[in-house]
Amino acid sequence: MPSLRIQRVNELLKRAIGEAIRRELPVNETGLITVNEVDVAGDLKTATVYASVLGNAEQQKRGFAHLEQHRPRIQDIVARSVVLKYTPVLRFVFDDSVVRGNRVLEIIENLEKDPKAGTE
C-alpha cells in the first residue's frame, strides 16, 4: 500500500490533470475525458494516468491522440499548479472500467426484467 504522502500526491495530481484536460481539450472534438486514477512512482518522477473517454469510438481515438499530443502542455500546466520537487512525466493509459461497469449494470438490469434469460 502506498504511503500517505504518495496517496495525497496521487489525488492532487488527479485533480490538477483533470482540470488541465478540461481547459485544454475541447469536448466536442475529443469526447468527455475523465481521469479515473493517477499512480505516481515512489520517486515522484513518473506518473501513470488512467483516463477514459466517454463518446463514440472515433471520439475515443481522437481523445487519446489529443492526450498524447498535448501531454507536454498538460504536464506544464500541472507543474505550475502543483508544487513538487520533480514534476512527474505523465503517461496516459486507457481505462475502460467505466464502460465495463456500465455493461455489467446493463446485464443486471436485463436479468431483472427477464429472470428466465439468465438460466439458459
PDB file of N, CA and C in Angstrom:
ATOM      1  N   MET A   1       0.843  -1.177   0.000  1.00  0.00           N
ATOM      2  CA  MET A   1       0.000   0.000   0.000  1.00  0.00           C
ATOM      3  C   MET A   1       0.892   1.246   0.000  1.00  0.00           C
ATOM      4  N   PRO A   2       0.574   2.204  -0.896  1.00  0.00           N
ATOM      5  CA  PRO A   2       1.400   3.411  -0.953  1.00  0.00           C
ATOM      6  C   PRO A   2       1.302   4.219   0.343  1.00  0.00           C
ATOM      7  N   SER A   3       2.342   4.976   0.581  1.00  0.00           N
ATOM      8  CA  SER A   3       2.372   5.804   1.784  1.00  0.00           C
ATOM      9  C   SER A   3       1.311   6.897   1.692  1.00  0.00           C
ATOM     10  N   LEU A   4       1.052   7.510   2.816  1.00  0.00           N
ATOM     11  CA  LEU A   4       0.049   8.577   2.864  1.00  0.00           C
ATOM     12  C   LEU A   4       0.455   9.738   1.956  1.00  0.00           C
ATOM     13  N   ARG A   5       1.740  10.040   1.912  1.00  0.00           N
ATOM     14  CA  ARG A   5       2.219  11.137   1.057  1.00  0.00           C
ATOM     15  C   ARG A   5       1.957  10.828  -0.416  1.00  0.00           C
ATOM     16  N   ILE A   6       2.266   9.615  -0.839  1.00  0.00           N
ATOM     17  CA  ILE A   6       2.042   9.218  -2.240  1.00  0.00           C
ATOM     18  C   ILE A   6       0.549   9.272  -2.559  1.00  0.00           C
ATOM     19  N   GLN A   7      -0.287   8.827  -1.638  1.00  0.00           N
ATOM     20  CA  GLN A   7      -1.733   8.884  -1.855  1.00  0.00           C
ATOM     21  C   GLN A   7      -2.204  10.331  -2.035  1.00  0.00           C
ATOM     22  N   ARG A   8      -1.673  11.223  -1.214  1.00  0.00           N
ATOM     23  CA  ARG A   8      -2.043  12.629  -1.326  1.00  0.00           C
ATOM     24  C   ARG A   8      -1.565  13.228  -2.648  1.00  0.00           C
ATOM     25  N   VAL A   9      -0.353  12.887  -3.052  1.00  0.00           N
ATOM     26  CA  VAL A   9       0.176  13.373  -4.334  1.00  0.00           C
ATOM     27  C   VAL A   9      -0.658  12.819  -5.491  1.00  0.00           C
ATOM     28  N   ASN A  10      -1.038  11.537  -5.417  1.00  0.00           N
ATOM     29  CA  ASN A  10      -1.899  10.942  -6.453  1.00  0.00           C
ATOM     30  C   ASN A  10      -3.188  11.734  -6.612  1.00  0.00           C
ATOM     31  N   GLU A  11      -3.832  12.028  -5.496  1.00  0.00           N
ATOM     32  CA  GLU A  11      -5.105  12.753  -5.540  1.00  0.00           C
ATOM     33  C   GLU A  11      -4.907  14.184  -6.034  1.00  0.00           C
ATOM     34  N   LEU A  12      -3.866  14.828  -5.598  1.00  0.00           N
ATOM     35  CA  LEU A  12      -3.576  16.188  -6.029  1.00  0.00           C
ATOM     36  C   LEU A  12      -3.317  16.241  -7.543  1.00  0.00           C
ATOM     37  N   LEU A  13      -2.531  15.303  -8.040  1.00  0.00           N
ATOM     38  CA  LEU A  13      -2.254  15.240  -9.480  1.00  0.00           C
ATOM     39  C   LEU A  13      -3.509  14.906 -10.272  1.00  0.00           C
ATOM     40  N   LYS A  14      -4.329  14.024  -9.739  1.00  0.00           N
ATOM     41  CA  LYS A  14      -5.570  13.655 -10.421  1.00  0.00           C
ATOM     42  C   LYS A  14      -6.436  14.886 -10.646  1.00  0.00           C
ATOM     43  N   ARG A  15      -6.584  15.696  -9.625  1.00  0.00           N
ATOM     44  CA  ARG A  15      -7.388  16.916  -9.755  1.00  0.00           C
ATOM     45  C   ARG A  15      -6.754  17.905 -10.736  1.00  0.00           C
ATOM     46  N   ALA A  16      -5.457  18.091 -10.622  1.00  0.00           N
ATOM     47  CA  ALA A  16      -4.765  19.057 -11.487  1.00  0.00           C
ATOM     48  C   ALA A  16      -4.787  18.616 -12.945  1.00  0.00           C
ATOM     49  N   ILE A  17      -4.580  17.341 -13.196  1.00  0.00           N
ATOM     50  CA  ILE A  17      -4.593  16.830 -14.575  1.00  0.00           C
ATOM     51  C   ILE A  17      -6.001  16.941 -15.152  1.00  0.00           C
ATOM     52  N   GLY A  18      -6.999  16.577 -14.362  1.00  0.00           N
ATOM     53  CA  GLY A  18      -8.381  16.697 -14.825  1.00  0.00           C
ATOM     54  C   GLY A  18      -8.739  18.129 -15.191  1.00  0.00           C
ATOM     55  N   GLU A  19      -8.324  19.056 -14.370  1.00  0.00           N
ATOM     56  CA  GLU A  19      -8.587  20.477 -14.643  1.00  0.00           C
ATOM     57  C   GLU A  19      -7.839  20.938 -15.897  1.00  0.00           C
ATOM     58  N   ALA A  20      -6.602  20.518 -16.056  1.00  0.00           N
ATOM     59  CA  ALA A  20      -5.827  20.898 -17.245  1.00  0.00           C
ATOM     60  C   ALA A  20      -6.457  20.333 -18.515  1.00  0.00           C
ATOM     61  N   ILE A  21      -6.919  19.094 -18.453  1.00  0.00           N
ATOM     62  CA  ILE A  21      -7.569  18.482 -19.619  1.00  0.00           C
ATOM     63  C   ILE A  21      -8.857  19.227 -19.941  1.00  0.00           C
ATOM     64  N   ARG A  22      -9.616  19.556 -18.902  1.00  0.00           N
ATOM     65  CA  ARG A  22     -10.881  20.263 -19.106  1.00  0.00           C
ATOM     66  C   ARG A  22     -10.660  21.610 -19.801  1.00  0.00           C
ATOM     67  N   ARG A  23      -9.588  22.298 -19.429  1.00  0.00           N
ATOM     68  CA  ARG A  23      -9.319  23.619 -20.009  1.00  0.00           C
ATOM     69  C   ARG A  23      -8.685  23.533 -21.395  1.00  0.00           C
ATOM     70  N   GLU A  24      -7.872  22.528 -21.640  1.00  0.00           N
ATOM     71  CA  GLU A  24      -7.069  22.490 -22.873  1.00  0.00           C
ATOM     72  C   GLU A  24      -7.723  21.742 -24.033  1.00  0.00           C
ATOM     73  N   LEU A  25      -8.514  20.725 -23.754  1.00  0.00           N
ATOM     74  CA  LEU A  25      -9.044  19.885 -24.828  1.00  0.00           C
ATOM     75  C   LEU A  25     -10.543  20.092 -24.985  1.00  0.00           C
ATOM     76  N   PRO A  26     -11.003  20.488 -26.183  1.00  0.00           N
ATOM     77  CA  PRO A  26     -12.435  20.726 -26.398  1.00  0.00           C
ATOM     78  C   PRO A  26     -13.227  19.415 -26.414  1.00  0.00           C
ATOM     79  N   VAL A  27     -14.327  19.392 -25.678  1.00  0.00           N
ATOM     80  CA  VAL A  27     -15.141  18.185 -25.544  1.00  0.00           C
ATOM     81  C   VAL A  27     -15.757  17.769 -26.875  1.00  0.00           C
ATOM     82  N   ASN A  28     -16.155  18.717 -27.707  1.00  0.00           N
ATOM     83  CA  ASN A  28     -16.812  18.364 -28.966  1.00  0.00           C
ATOM     84  C   ASN A  28     -15.881  17.617 -29.921  1.00  0.00           C
ATOM     85  N   GLU A  29     -14.569  17.776 -29.787  1.00  0.00           N
ATOM     86  CA  GLU A  29     -13.621  17.064 -30.647  1.00  0.00           C
ATOM     87  C   GLU A  29     -13.172  15.741 -30.025  1.00  0.00           C
ATOM     88  N   THR A  30     -12.947  15.742 -28.720  1.00  0.00           N
ATOM     89  CA  THR A  30     -12.303  14.594 -28.081  1.00  0.00           C
ATOM     90  C   THR A  30     -13.234  13.721 -27.274  1.00  0.00           C
ATOM     91  N   GLY A  31     -14.454  14.127 -27.076  1.00  0.00           N
ATOM     92  CA  GLY A  31     -15.331  13.418 -26.154  1.00  0.00           C
ATOM     93  C   GLY A  31     -15.016  13.883 -24.737  1.00  0.00           C
ATOM     94  N   LEU A  32     -15.735  13.370 -23.790  1.00  0.00           N
ATOM     95  CA  LEU A  32     -15.532  13.752 -22.396  1.00  0.00           C
ATOM     96  C   LEU A  32     -14.431  12.881 -21.808  1.00  0.00           C
ATOM     97  N   ILE A  33     -13.304  13.481 -21.501  1.00  0.00           N
ATOM     98  CA  ILE A  33     -12.162  12.753 -20.952  1.00  0.00           C
ATOM     99  C   ILE A  33     -12.198  12.874 -19.433  1.00  0.00           C
ATOM    100  N   THR A  34     -12.162  11.729 -18.769  1.00  0.00           N
ATOM    101  CA  THR A  34     -12.152  11.737 -17.309  1.00  0.00           C
ATOM    102  C   THR A  34     -10.891  11.036 -16.809  1.00  0.00           C
ATOM    103  N   VAL A  35     -10.325  11.584 -15.764  1.00  0.00           N
ATOM    104  CA  VAL A  35      -9.153  10.980 -15.130  1.00  0.00           C
ATOM    105  C   VAL A  35      -9.674  10.130 -13.970  1.00  0.00           C
ATOM    106  N   ASN A  36      -9.512   8.823 -14.089  1.00  0.00           N
ATOM    107  CA  ASN A  36     -10.048   7.910 -13.082  1.00  0.00           C
ATOM    108  C   ASN A  36      -9.083   7.686 -11.925  1.00  0.00           C
ATOM    109  N   GLU A  37      -7.805   7.648 -12.239  1.00  0.00           N
ATOM    110  CA  GLU A  37      -6.814   7.376 -11.196  1.00  0.00           C
ATOM    111  C   GLU A  37      -5.446   7.835 -11.674  1.00  0.00           C
ATOM    112  N   VAL A  38      -4.601   8.185 -10.731  1.00  0.00           N
ATOM    113  CA  VAL A  38      -3.212   8.529 -11.025  1.00  0.00           C
ATOM    114  C   VAL A  38      -2.351   7.686 -10.095  1.00  0.00           C
ATOM    115  N   ASP A  39      -1.329   7.078 -10.663  1.00  0.00           N
ATOM    116  CA  ASP A  39      -0.415   6.245  -9.886  1.00  0.00           C
ATOM    117  C   ASP A  39       0.997   6.789 -10.052  1.00  0.00           C
ATOM    118  N   VAL A  40       1.488   7.457  -9.012  1.00  0.00           N
ATOM    119  CA  VAL A  40       2.806   8.074  -9.044  1.00  0.00           C
ATOM    120  C   VAL A  40       3.846   7.070  -8.545  1.00  0.00           C
ATOM    121  N   ALA A  41       4.993   7.047  -9.214  1.00  0.00           N
ATOM    122  CA  ALA A  41       6.095   6.198  -8.761  1.00  0.00           C
ATOM    123  C   ALA A  41       6.630   6.724  -7.426  1.00  0.00           C
ATOM    124  N   GLY A  42       7.284   5.884  -6.686  1.00  0.00           N
ATOM    125  CA  GLY A  42       7.804   6.254  -5.378  1.00  0.00           C
ATOM    126  C   GLY A  42       8.771   7.419  -5.404  1.00  0.00           C
ATOM    127  N   ASP A  43       9.525   7.574  -6.506  1.00  0.00           N
ATOM    128  CA  ASP A  43      10.480   8.680  -6.604  1.00  0.00           C
ATOM    129  C   ASP A  43       9.843   9.962  -7.165  1.00  0.00           C
ATOM    130  N   LEU A  44       8.547   9.913  -7.453  1.00  0.00           N
ATOM    131  CA  LEU A  44       7.769  11.048  -7.964  1.00  0.00           C
ATOM    132  C   LEU A  44       8.223  11.540  -9.335  1.00  0.00           C
ATOM    133  N   LYS A  45       8.944  10.735 -10.077  1.00  0.00           N
ATOM    134  CA  LYS A  45       9.440  11.179 -11.383  1.00  0.00           C
ATOM    135  C   LYS A  45       8.554  10.744 -12.539  1.00  0.00           C
ATOM    136  N   THR A  46       7.712   9.743 -12.338  1.00  0.00           N
ATOM    137  CA  THR A  46       6.774   9.311 -13.373  1.00  0.00           C
ATOM    138  C   THR A  46       5.401   9.099 -12.749  1.00  0.00           C
ATOM    139  N   ALA A  47       4.385   9.269 -13.562  1.00  0.00           N
ATOM    140  CA  ALA A  47       3.013   9.048 -13.115  1.00  0.00           C
ATOM    141  C   ALA A  47       2.217   8.418 -14.249  1.00  0.00           C
ATOM    142  N   THR A  48       1.509   7.354 -13.923  1.00  0.00           N
ATOM    143  CA  THR A  48       0.612   6.727 -14.876  1.00  0.00           C
ATOM    144  C   THR A  48      -0.778   7.285 -14.624  1.00  0.00           C
ATOM    145  N   VAL A  49      -1.374   7.837 -15.673  1.00  0.00           N
ATOM    146  CA  VAL A  49      -2.692   8.456 -15.575  1.00  0.00           C
ATOM    147  C   VAL A  49      -3.690   7.551 -16.279  1.00  0.00           C
ATOM    148  N   TYR A  50      -4.632   6.995 -15.517  1.00  0.00           N
ATOM    149  CA  TYR A  50      -5.674   6.139 -16.071  1.00  0.00           C
ATOM    150  C   TYR A  50      -6.861   7.027 -16.425  1.00  0.00           C
ATOM    151  N   ALA A  51      -7.124   7.134 -17.721  1.00  0.00           N
ATOM    152  CA  ALA A  51      -8.176   8.032 -18.201  1.00  0.00           C
ATOM    153  C   ALA A  51      -9.119   7.269 -19.112  1.00  0.00           C
ATOM    154  N   SER A  52     -10.352   7.726 -19.137  1.00  0.00           N
ATOM    155  CA  SER A  52     -11.340   7.147 -20.045  1.00  0.00           C
ATOM    156  C   SER A  52     -11.970   8.269 -20.854  1.00  0.00           C
ATOM    157  N   VAL A  53     -12.492   7.897 -22.007  1.00  0.00           N
ATOM    158  CA  VAL A  53     -13.125   8.863 -22.892  1.00  0.00           C
ATOM    159  C   VAL A  53     -14.559   8.409 -23.115  1.00  0.00           C
ATOM    160  N   LEU A  54     -15.499   9.240 -22.700  1.00  0.00           N
ATOM    161  CA  LEU A  54     -16.903   8.944 -22.934  1.00  0.00           C
ATOM    162  C   LEU A  54     -17.280   9.545 -24.276  1.00  0.00           C
ATOM    163  N   GLY A  55     -17.743   8.703 -25.160  1.00  0.00           N
ATOM    164  CA  GLY A  55     -18.094   9.131 -26.507  1.00  0.00           C
ATOM    165  C   GLY A  55     -18.028   7.922 -27.420  1.00  0.00           C
ATOM    166  N   ASN A  56     -18.225   8.157 -28.704  1.00  0.00           N
ATOM    167  CA  ASN A  56     -18.172   7.041 -29.646  1.00  0.00           C
ATOM    168  C   ASN A  56     -16.712   6.624 -29.891  1.00  0.00           C
ATOM    169  N   ALA A  57     -16.533   5.575 -30.671  1.00  0.00           N
ATOM    170  CA  ALA A  57     -15.193   5.022 -30.895  1.00  0.00           C
ATOM    171  C   ALA A  57     -14.253   6.044 -31.541  1.00  0.00           C
ATOM    172  N   GLU A  58     -14.776   6.833 -32.465  1.00  0.00           N
ATOM    173  CA  GLU A  58     -13.951   7.843 -33.136  1.00  0.00           C
ATOM    174  C   GLU A  58     -13.501   8.912 -32.137  1.00  0.00           C
ATOM    175  N   GLN A  59     -14.398   9.333 -31.257  1.00  0.00           N
ATOM    176  CA  GLN A  59     -14.035  10.321 -30.243  1.00  0.00           C
ATOM    177  C   GLN A  59     -13.008   9.744 -29.273  1.00  0.00           C
ATOM    178  N   GLN A  60     -13.118   8.463 -28.961  1.00  0.00           N
ATOM    179  CA  GLN A  60     -12.142   7.838 -28.064  1.00  0.00           C
ATOM    180  C   GLN A  60     -10.755   7.839 -28.695  1.00  0.00           C
ATOM    181  N   LYS A  61     -10.676   7.489 -29.978  1.00  0.00           N
ATOM    182  CA  LYS A  61      -9.382   7.503 -30.670  1.00  0.00           C
ATOM    183  C   LYS A  61      -8.796   8.910 -30.701  1.00  0.00           C
ATOM    184  N   ARG A  62      -9.641   9.873 -31.081  1.00  0.00           N
ATOM    185  CA  ARG A  62      -9.178  11.253 -31.138  1.00  0.00           C
ATOM    186  C   ARG A  62      -8.811  11.780 -29.754  1.00  0.00           C
ATOM    187  N   GLY A  63      -9.601  11.389 -28.755  1.00  0.00           N
ATOM    188  CA  GLY A  63      -9.337  11.838 -27.393  1.00  0.00           C
ATOM    189  C   GLY A  63      -7.966  11.404 -26.912  1.00  0.00           C
ATOM    190  N   PHE A  64      -7.629  10.136 -27.134  1.00  0.00           N
ATOM    191  CA  PHE A  64      -6.319   9.672 -26.691  1.00  0.00           C
ATOM    192  C   PHE A  64      -5.193  10.207 -27.563  1.00  0.00           C
ATOM    193  N   ALA A  65      -5.476  10.426 -28.832  1.00  0.00           N
ATOM    194  CA  ALA A  65      -4.460  11.052 -29.691  1.00  0.00           C
ATOM    195  C   ALA A  65      -4.176  12.477 -29.200  1.00  0.00           C
ATOM    196  N   HIS A  66      -5.240  13.195 -28.828  1.00  0.00           N
ATOM    197  CA  HIS A  66      -5.058  14.554 -28.298  1.00  0.00           C
ATOM    198  C   HIS A  66      -4.337  14.535 -26.957  1.00  0.00           C
ATOM    199  N   LEU A  67      -4.652  13.568 -26.116  1.00  0.00           N
ATOM    200  CA  LEU A  67      -3.946  13.469 -24.831  1.00  0.00           C
ATOM    201  C   LEU A  67      -2.451  13.301 -25.052  1.00  0.00           C
ATOM    202  N   GLU A  68      -2.085  12.408 -25.949  1.00  0.00           N
ATOM    203  CA  GLU A  68      -0.662  12.183 -26.232  1.00  0.00           C
ATOM    204  C   GLU A  68      -0.025  13.415 -26.873  1.00  0.00           C
ATOM    205  N   GLN A  69      -0.754  14.029 -27.774  1.00  0.00           N
ATOM    206  CA  GLN A  69      -0.230  15.211 -28.467  1.00  0.00           C
ATOM    207  C   GLN A  69      -0.033  16.379 -27.502  1.00  0.00           C
ATOM    208  N   HIS A  70      -0.966  16.558 -26.579  1.00  0.00           N
ATOM    209  CA  HIS A  70      -0.921  17.698 -25.660  1.00  0.00           C
ATOM    210  C   HIS A  70      -0.305  17.339 -24.307  1.00  0.00           C
ATOM    211  N   ARG A  71       0.292  16.171 -24.195  1.00  0.00           N
ATOM    212  CA  ARG A  71       0.895  15.732 -22.938  1.00  0.00           C
ATOM    213  C   ARG A  71       1.899  16.746 -22.391  1.00  0.00           C
ATOM    214  N   PRO A  72       2.820  17.273 -23.209  1.00  0.00           N
ATOM    215  CA  PRO A  72       3.765  18.266 -22.662  1.00  0.00           C
ATOM    216  C   PRO A  72       3.065  19.512 -22.114  1.00  0.00           C
ATOM    217  N   ARG A  73       2.042  19.970 -22.799  1.00  0.00           N
ATOM    218  CA  ARG A  73       1.306  21.159 -22.341  1.00  0.00           C
ATOM    219  C   ARG A  73       0.575  20.865 -21.029  1.00  0.00           C
ATOM    220  N   ILE A  74      -0.075  19.715 -20.954  1.00  0.00           N
ATOM    221  CA  ILE A  74      -0.781  19.322 -19.725  1.00  0.00           C
ATOM    222  C   ILE A  74       0.219  19.194 -18.585  1.00  0.00           C
ATOM    223  N   GLN A  75       1.347  18.588 -18.866  1.00  0.00           N
ATOM    224  CA  GLN A  75       2.385  18.417 -17.851  1.00  0.00           C
ATOM    225  C   GLN A  75       2.899  19.780 -17.377  1.00  0.00           C
ATOM    226  N   ASP A  76       3.024  20.733 -18.290  1.00  0.00           N
ATOM    227  CA  ASP A  76       3.470  22.084 -17.931  1.00  0.00           C
ATOM    228  C   ASP A  76       2.452  22.777 -17.027  1.00  0.00           C
ATOM    229  N   ILE A  77       1.179  22.637 -17.354  1.00  0.00           N
ATOM    230  CA  ILE A  77       0.122  23.242 -16.524  1.00  0.00           C
ATOM    231  C   ILE A  77       0.132  22.613 -15.130  1.00  0.00           C
ATOM    232  N   VAL A  78       0.293  21.305 -15.071  1.00  0.00           N
ATOM    233  CA  VAL A  78       0.344  20.612 -13.781  1.00  0.00           C
ATOM    234  C   VAL A  78       1.553  21.080 -12.978  1.00  0.00           C
ATOM    235  N   ALA A  79       2.679  21.273 -13.643  1.00  0.00           N
ATOM    236  CA  ALA A  79       3.891  21.722 -12.957  1.00  0.00           C
ATOM    237  C   ALA A  79       3.696  23.093 -12.318  1.00  0.00           C
ATOM    238  N   ARG A  80       2.920  23.939 -12.961  1.00  0.00           N
ATOM    239  CA  ARG A  80       2.673  25.273 -12.412  1.00  0.00           C
ATOM    240  C   ARG A  80       1.677  25.248 -11.251  1.00  0.00           C
ATOM    241  N   SER A  81       0.744  24.310 -11.292  1.00  0.00           N
ATOM    242  CA  SER A  81      -0.299  24.312 -10.263  1.00  0.00           C
ATOM    243  C   SER A  81       0.036  23.429  -9.061  1.00  0.00           C
ATOM    244  N   VAL A  82       0.895  22.441  -9.245  1.00  0.00           N
ATOM    245  CA  VAL A  82       1.264  21.536  -8.152  1.00  0.00           C
ATOM    246  C   VAL A  82       2.752  21.721  -7.870  1.00  0.00           C
ATOM    247  N   VAL A  83       3.068  22.126  -6.671  1.00  0.00           N
ATOM    248  CA  VAL A  83       4.456  22.387  -6.313  1.00  0.00           C
ATOM    249  C   VAL A  83       5.073  21.109  -5.750  1.00  0.00           C
ATOM    250  N   LEU A  84       5.952  20.518  -6.543  1.00  0.00           N
ATOM    251  CA  LEU A  84       6.707  19.331  -6.150  1.00  0.00           C
ATOM    252  C   LEU A  84       8.160  19.548  -6.557  1.00  0.00           C
ATOM    253  N   LYS A  85       9.051  18.796  -5.931  1.00  0.00           N
ATOM    254  CA  LYS A  85      10.462  18.903  -6.304  1.00  0.00           C
ATOM    255  C   LYS A  85      10.645  18.519  -7.768  1.00  0.00           C
ATOM    256  N   TYR A  86       9.998  17.428  -8.173  1.00  0.00           N
ATOM    257  CA  TYR A  86      10.017  16.978  -9.563  1.00  0.00           C
ATOM    258  C   TYR A  86       8.582  16.945 -10.070  1.00  0.00           C
ATOM    259  N   THR A  87       8.392  17.394 -11.300  1.00  0.00           N
ATOM    260  CA  THR A  87       7.092  17.210 -11.930  1.00  0.00           C
ATOM    261  C   THR A  87       7.135  15.862 -12.629  1.00  0.00           C
ATOM    262  N   PRO A  88       6.243  14.962 -12.275  1.00  0.00           N
ATOM    263  CA  PRO A  88       6.296  13.634 -12.886  1.00  0.00           C
ATOM    264  C   PRO A  88       6.033  13.685 -14.392  1.00  0.00           C
ATOM    265  N   VAL A  89       6.702  12.808 -15.109  1.00  0.00           N
ATOM    266  CA  VAL A  89       6.440  12.628 -16.526  1.00  0.00           C
ATOM    267  C   VAL A  89       5.153  11.810 -16.621  1.00  0.00           C
ATOM    268  N   LEU A  90       4.168  12.353 -17.324  1.00  0.00           N
ATOM    269  CA  LEU A  90       2.861  11.714 -17.391  1.00  0.00           C
ATOM    270  C   LEU A  90       2.824  10.672 -18.499  1.00  0.00           C
ATOM    271  N   ARG A  91       2.177   9.564 -18.195  1.00  0.00           N
ATOM    272  CA  ARG A  91       1.940   8.510 -19.187  1.00  0.00           C
ATOM    273  C   ARG A  91       0.458   8.171 -19.115  1.00  0.00           C
ATOM    274  N   PHE A  92      -0.246   8.383 -20.216  1.00  0.00           N
ATOM    275  CA  PHE A  92      -1.683   8.143 -20.251  1.00  0.00           C
ATOM    276  C   PHE A  92      -1.974   6.706 -20.658  1.00  0.00           C
ATOM    277  N   VAL A  93      -2.888   6.074 -19.913  1.00  0.00           N
ATOM    278  CA  VAL A  93      -3.308   4.695 -20.179  1.00  0.00           C
ATOM    279  C   VAL A  93      -4.824   4.698 -20.270  1.00  0.00           C
ATOM    280  N   PHE A  94      -5.351   3.994 -21.280  1.00  0.00           N
ATOM    281  CA  PHE A  94      -6.801   3.913 -21.446  1.00  0.00           C
ATOM    282  C   PHE A  94      -7.392   3.038 -20.355  1.00  0.00           C
ATOM    283  N   ASP A  95      -8.385   3.550 -19.662  1.00  0.00           N
ATOM    284  CA  ASP A  95      -9.068   2.831 -18.586  1.00  0.00           C
ATOM    285  C   ASP A  95     -10.517   2.629 -19.002  1.00  0.00           C
ATOM    286  N   ASP A  96     -10.878   1.391 -19.288  1.00  0.00           N
ATOM    287  CA  ASP A  96     -12.240   1.115 -19.743  1.00  0.00           C
ATOM    288  C   ASP A  96     -13.137   0.615 -18.620  1.00  0.00           C
ATOM    289  N   SER A  97     -12.782   0.879 -17.378  1.00  0.00           N
ATOM    290  CA  SER A  97     -13.574   0.385 -16.253  1.00  0.00           C
ATOM    291  C   SER A  97     -14.982   0.979 -16.241  1.00  0.00           C
ATOM    292  N   VAL A  98     -15.141   2.218 -16.676  1.00  0.00           N
ATOM    293  CA  VAL A  98     -16.469   2.832 -16.717  1.00  0.00           C
ATOM    294  C   VAL A  98     -17.345   2.110 -17.732  1.00  0.00           C
ATOM    295  N   VAL A  99     -16.791   1.805 -18.900  1.00  0.00           N
ATOM    296  CA  VAL A  99     -17.542   1.102 -19.934  1.00  0.00           C
ATOM    297  C   VAL A  99     -17.917  -0.295 -19.453  1.00  0.00           C
ATOM    298  N   ARG A 100     -16.959  -0.994 -18.834  1.00  0.00           N
ATOM    299  CA  ARG A 100     -17.255  -2.340 -18.314  1.00  0.00           C
ATOM    300  C   ARG A 100     -18.299  -2.286 -17.214  1.00  0.00           C
ATOM    301  N   GLY A 101     -18.212  -1.294 -16.339  1.00  0.00           N
ATOM    302  CA  GLY A 101     -19.193  -1.149 -15.265  1.00  0.00           C
ATOM    303  C   GLY A 101     -20.589  -0.896 -15.806  1.00  0.00           C
ATOM    304  N   ASN A 102     -20.680  -0.048 -16.830  1.00  0.00           N
ATOM    305  CA  ASN A 102     -21.987   0.206 -17.454  1.00  0.00           C
ATOM    306  C   ASN A 102     -22.543  -1.055 -18.099  1.00  0.00           C
ATOM    307  N   ARG A 103     -21.670  -1.848 -18.688  1.00  0.00           N
ATOM    308  CA  ARG A 103     -22.104  -3.106 -19.323  1.00  0.00           C
ATOM    309  C   ARG A 103     -22.630  -4.083 -18.272  1.00  0.00           C
ATOM    310  N   VAL A 104     -21.968  -4.178 -17.135  1.00  0.00           N
ATOM    311  CA  VAL A 104     -22.425  -5.054 -16.053  1.00  0.00           C
ATOM    312  C   VAL A 104     -23.787  -4.594 -15.545  1.00  0.00           C
ATOM    313  N   LEU A 105     -23.947  -3.283 -15.347  1.00  0.00           N
ATOM    314  CA  LEU A 105     -25.237  -2.758 -14.899  1.00  0.00           C
ATOM    315  C   LEU A 105     -26.347  -3.045 -15.908  1.00  0.00           C
ATOM    316  N   GLU A 106     -26.015  -2.958 -17.182  1.00  0.00           N
ATOM    317  CA  GLU A 106     -26.987  -3.256 -18.238  1.00  0.00           C
ATOM    318  C   GLU A 106     -27.403  -4.727 -18.188  1.00  0.00           C
ATOM    319  N   ILE A 107     -26.452  -5.624 -17.981  1.00  0.00           N
ATOM    320  CA  ILE A 107     -26.755  -7.051 -17.889  1.00  0.00           C
ATOM    321  C   ILE A 107     -27.639  -7.326 -16.679  1.00  0.00           C
ATOM    322  N   ILE A 108     -27.322  -6.732 -15.543  1.00  0.00           N
ATOM    323  CA  ILE A 108     -28.124  -6.913 -14.328  1.00  0.00           C
ATOM    324  C   ILE A 108     -29.541  -6.399 -14.550  1.00  0.00           C
ATOM    325  N   GLU A 109     -29.650  -5.249 -15.198  1.00  0.00           N
ATOM    326  CA  GLU A 109     -30.970  -4.686 -15.473  1.00  0.00           C
ATOM    327  C   GLU A 109     -31.781  -5.608 -16.372  1.00  0.00           C
ATOM    328  N   ASN A 110     -31.140  -6.181 -17.392  1.00  0.00           N
ATOM    329  CA  ASN A 110     -31.835  -7.113 -18.283  1.00  0.00           C
ATOM    330  C   ASN A 110     -32.253  -8.380 -17.549  1.00  0.00           C
ATOM    331  N   LEU A 111     -31.437  -8.854 -16.634  1.00  0.00           N
ATOM    332  CA  LEU A 111     -31.788 -10.044 -15.854  1.00  0.00           C
ATOM    333  C   LEU A 111     -32.968  -9.771 -14.929  1.00  0.00           C
ATOM    334  N   GLU A 112     -33.035  -8.571 -14.381  1.00  0.00           N
ATOM    335  CA  GLU A 112     -34.155  -8.217 -13.515  1.00  0.00           C
ATOM    336  C   GLU A 112     -35.456  -8.125 -14.299  1.00  0.00           C
ATOM    337  N   LYS A 113     -35.380  -7.678 -15.543  1.00  0.00           N
ATOM    338  CA  LYS A 113     -36.573  -7.588 -16.385  1.00  0.00           C
ATOM    339  C   LYS A 113     -37.055  -8.963 -16.815  1.00  0.00           C
ATOM    340  N   ASP A 114     -36.111  -9.836 -17.187  1.00  0.00           N
ATOM    341  CA  ASP A 114     -36.456 -11.161 -17.683  1.00  0.00           C
ATOM    342  C   ASP A 114     -35.620 -12.205 -16.935  1.00  0.00           C
ATOM    343  N   PRO A 115     -36.078 -12.686 -15.762  1.00  0.00           N
ATOM    344  CA  PRO A 115     -35.285 -13.616 -14.962  1.00  0.00           C
ATOM    345  C   PRO A 115     -34.979 -14.929 -15.677  1.00  0.00           C
ATOM    346  N   LYS A 116     -35.787 -15.323 -16.651  1.00  0.00           N
ATOM    347  CA  LYS A 116     -35.556 -16.583 -17.365  1.00  0.00           C
ATOM    348  C   LYS A 116     -34.357 -16.478 -18.311  1.00  0.00           C
ATOM    349  N   ALA A 117     -33.947 -15.279 -18.703  1.00  0.00           N
ATOM    350  CA  ALA A 117     -32.846 -15.089 -19.652  1.00  0.00           C
ATOM    351  C   ALA A 117     -31.537 -15.585 -19.079  1.00  0.00           C
ATOM    352  N   GLY A 118     -31.351 -15.518 -17.768  1.00  0.00           N
ATOM    353  CA  GLY A 118     -30.093 -15.923 -17.157  1.00  0.00           C
ATOM    354  C   GLY A 118     -29.958 -17.405 -16.938  1.00  0.00           C
ATOM    355  N   THR A 119     -31.051 -18.200 -17.096  1.00  0.00           N
ATOM    356  CA  THR A 119     -30.994 -19.635 -16.827  1.00  0.00           C
ATOM    357  C   THR A 119     -30.726 -20.457 -18.060  1.00  0.00           C
ATOM    358  N   GLU A 120     -30.693 -19.864 -19.199  1.00  0.00           N
ATOM    359  CA  GLU A 120     -30.488 -20.627 -20.435  1.00  0.00           C
ATOM    360  C   GLU A 120     -29.043 -20.892 -20.704  1.00  0.00           C
TER     361      GLU A 120
END
